[in-house]
Protein backbone atom coordinates (compact mmCIF):
# COMPACT_ATOMS: atom_id res chain seq x y z
CA MET A 1 28.59 152.27 93.04
CA HIS A 2 26.36 150.06 95.19
CA ALA A 3 23.37 151.70 97.00
CA TRP A 4 22.98 151.91 100.80
CA PRO A 5 20.14 149.93 102.49
CA LYS A 6 17.48 152.37 103.45
CA ASP A 7 17.49 151.70 107.18
CA VAL A 8 21.49 152.20 107.14
CA ILE A 9 21.61 155.30 105.25
CA GLU A 10 18.75 156.62 107.48
CA LYS A 11 20.81 156.03 110.52
CA ILE A 12 23.99 157.58 109.00
CA ALA A 13 21.99 160.60 107.84
CA SER A 14 20.65 161.29 111.36
CA THR A 15 23.94 161.05 113.14
CA ASP A 16 26.80 163.66 113.30
CA ASP A 17 29.42 161.05 114.07
CA LEU A 18 31.33 159.61 111.01
CA HIS A 19 35.12 158.67 110.82
CA ILE A 20 36.72 157.91 107.61
CA TYR A 21 39.81 156.04 106.94
CA PRO A 22 40.72 155.28 103.51
CA PHE A 23 43.27 152.86 102.71
CA ARG A 24 46.81 153.84 102.72
CA GLU A 25 49.18 153.35 99.54
CA ASP A 26 49.64 149.60 100.20
CA GLY A 27 45.96 149.34 99.74
CA ARG A 28 45.49 147.03 102.67
CA THR A 29 46.13 149.06 105.73
CA TYR A 30 43.61 151.56 106.93
CA GLY A 31 44.64 155.26 107.60
CA THR A 32 44.00 156.90 110.82
CA PRO A 33 40.44 157.57 111.36
CA THR A 34 39.17 161.31 110.81
CA TRP A 35 35.96 162.72 112.02
CA ILE A 36 34.16 164.47 109.33
CA TRP A 37 30.74 165.66 108.54
CA SER A 38 28.49 163.93 106.19
CA VAL A 39 25.29 164.40 104.40
CA VAL A 40 22.77 162.27 102.37
CA VAL A 41 21.33 163.45 99.14
CA ASP A 42 18.70 160.86 97.61
CA GLY A 43 19.97 158.15 99.59
CA ARG A 44 23.64 158.77 98.62
CA LEU A 45 26.38 159.53 101.06
CA PHE A 46 28.62 162.46 100.82
CA VAL A 47 31.79 163.93 102.45
CA ARG A 48 33.84 166.93 102.11
CA ALA A 49 37.51 167.63 103.03
CA TYR A 50 37.51 170.87 104.94
CA ASN A 51 41.13 171.55 103.69
CA GLY A 52 39.91 170.90 99.97
CA THR A 53 41.78 168.49 97.73
CA ASP A 54 45.01 168.91 99.77
CA GLY A 55 43.52 167.09 102.50
CA ARG A 56 45.41 163.96 103.39
CA TRP A 57 42.36 161.65 103.61
CA TYR A 58 40.74 163.17 100.62
CA ARG A 59 43.87 162.37 98.46
CA SER A 60 43.95 158.92 100.05
CA ALA A 61 40.12 158.36 99.26
CA ILE A 62 40.60 159.39 95.56
CA ALA A 63 43.81 157.52 95.21
CA GLN A 64 42.80 154.16 96.63
CA ARG A 65 39.02 154.35 96.01
CA ALA A 66 38.40 152.35 99.25
CA GLY A 67 38.39 152.29 102.86
CA ARG A 68 36.08 151.98 105.89
CA ILE A 69 33.84 154.32 107.72
CA ASP A 70 32.32 154.10 111.22
CA ALA A 71 28.97 155.84 111.39
CA ALA A 72 25.91 155.56 113.41
CA GLY A 73 27.45 153.00 115.73
CA THR A 74 28.42 150.70 113.04
CA THR A 75 31.67 150.04 110.49
CA HIS A 76 31.26 149.90 106.89
CA ASP A 77 33.82 148.70 104.28
CA VAL A 78 33.22 151.25 101.42
CA ALA A 79 34.04 152.68 98.20
CA PHE A 80 35.18 156.04 97.36
CA ALA A 81 34.43 158.17 94.16
CA PRO A 82 34.46 161.83 93.17
CA ALA A 83 31.01 163.33 93.66
CA ASP A 84 29.30 164.37 90.46
CA PRO A 85 29.59 168.15 90.26
CA GLY A 86 26.09 168.40 89.22
CA LEU A 87 24.89 167.62 92.57
CA ALA A 88 27.20 170.41 94.43
CA ASP A 89 24.41 172.78 94.90
CA ARG A 90 22.21 169.97 96.46
CA ILE A 91 24.93 169.01 98.71
CA ASP A 92 25.51 172.36 99.83
CA GLN A 93 21.95 172.69 100.53
CA ALA A 94 22.17 169.22 102.62
CA TYR A 95 25.11 170.93 104.64
CA GLU A 96 23.14 173.84 105.31
CA GLU A 97 20.19 172.13 106.72
CA LYS A 98 22.07 169.55 108.57
CA TYR A 99 24.79 171.92 110.31
CA ALA A 100 22.90 175.13 110.38
CA GLY A 101 24.33 177.64 112.98
CA SER A 102 27.70 176.03 113.17
CA PRO A 103 30.46 178.35 112.64
CA TYR A 104 32.08 175.88 110.36
CA LEU A 105 29.42 175.71 108.01
CA PRO A 106 30.37 178.73 105.64
CA PRO A 107 33.85 177.18 104.95
CA MET A 108 32.29 173.86 104.31
CA VAL A 109 30.21 175.16 101.34
CA SER A 110 33.08 177.28 99.92
CA ALA A 111 34.82 176.39 96.78
CA ARG A 112 37.97 174.74 98.50
CA PRO A 113 35.93 171.84 100.27
CA ARG A 114 33.28 171.86 97.62
CA ALA A 115 35.92 170.79 94.94
CA ALA A 116 36.86 167.94 97.26
CA THR A 117 33.33 166.33 97.69
CA VAL A 118 33.57 162.39 97.64
CA GLU A 119 30.47 160.00 97.32
CA VAL A 120 30.78 157.15 99.81
CA ALA A 121 28.93 153.75 98.90
CA PRO A 122 29.12 150.41 100.44
CA SER A 123 31.78 148.02 98.91
CA ALA A 124 30.48 145.21 96.76
């Protein structure tokens, strides 16, 4: 996967406004944008599906491996890949730091969303 430019990933990390839209089954049509939380760990962008692996956008992202995000006021064509399970604790910690105090935080660091963690990287 390609790395994010430092200035871009810093802007994305500082915002709470990320919409994800993986390609539909045809591989050309973007799905409906879905607002989701995002975190950055070691300059890499991660997202989780609140509904776990049953989430519609998650299934599309994993199947199609590509799509688009809107974040920090810009649009990016991206690639999706399952996150390295070895990073799960660090990703949890990033969620806990960024979204501390939210009533939605405990579910986002539970097993169901944790199993549906996706790395998002810029397309080639």
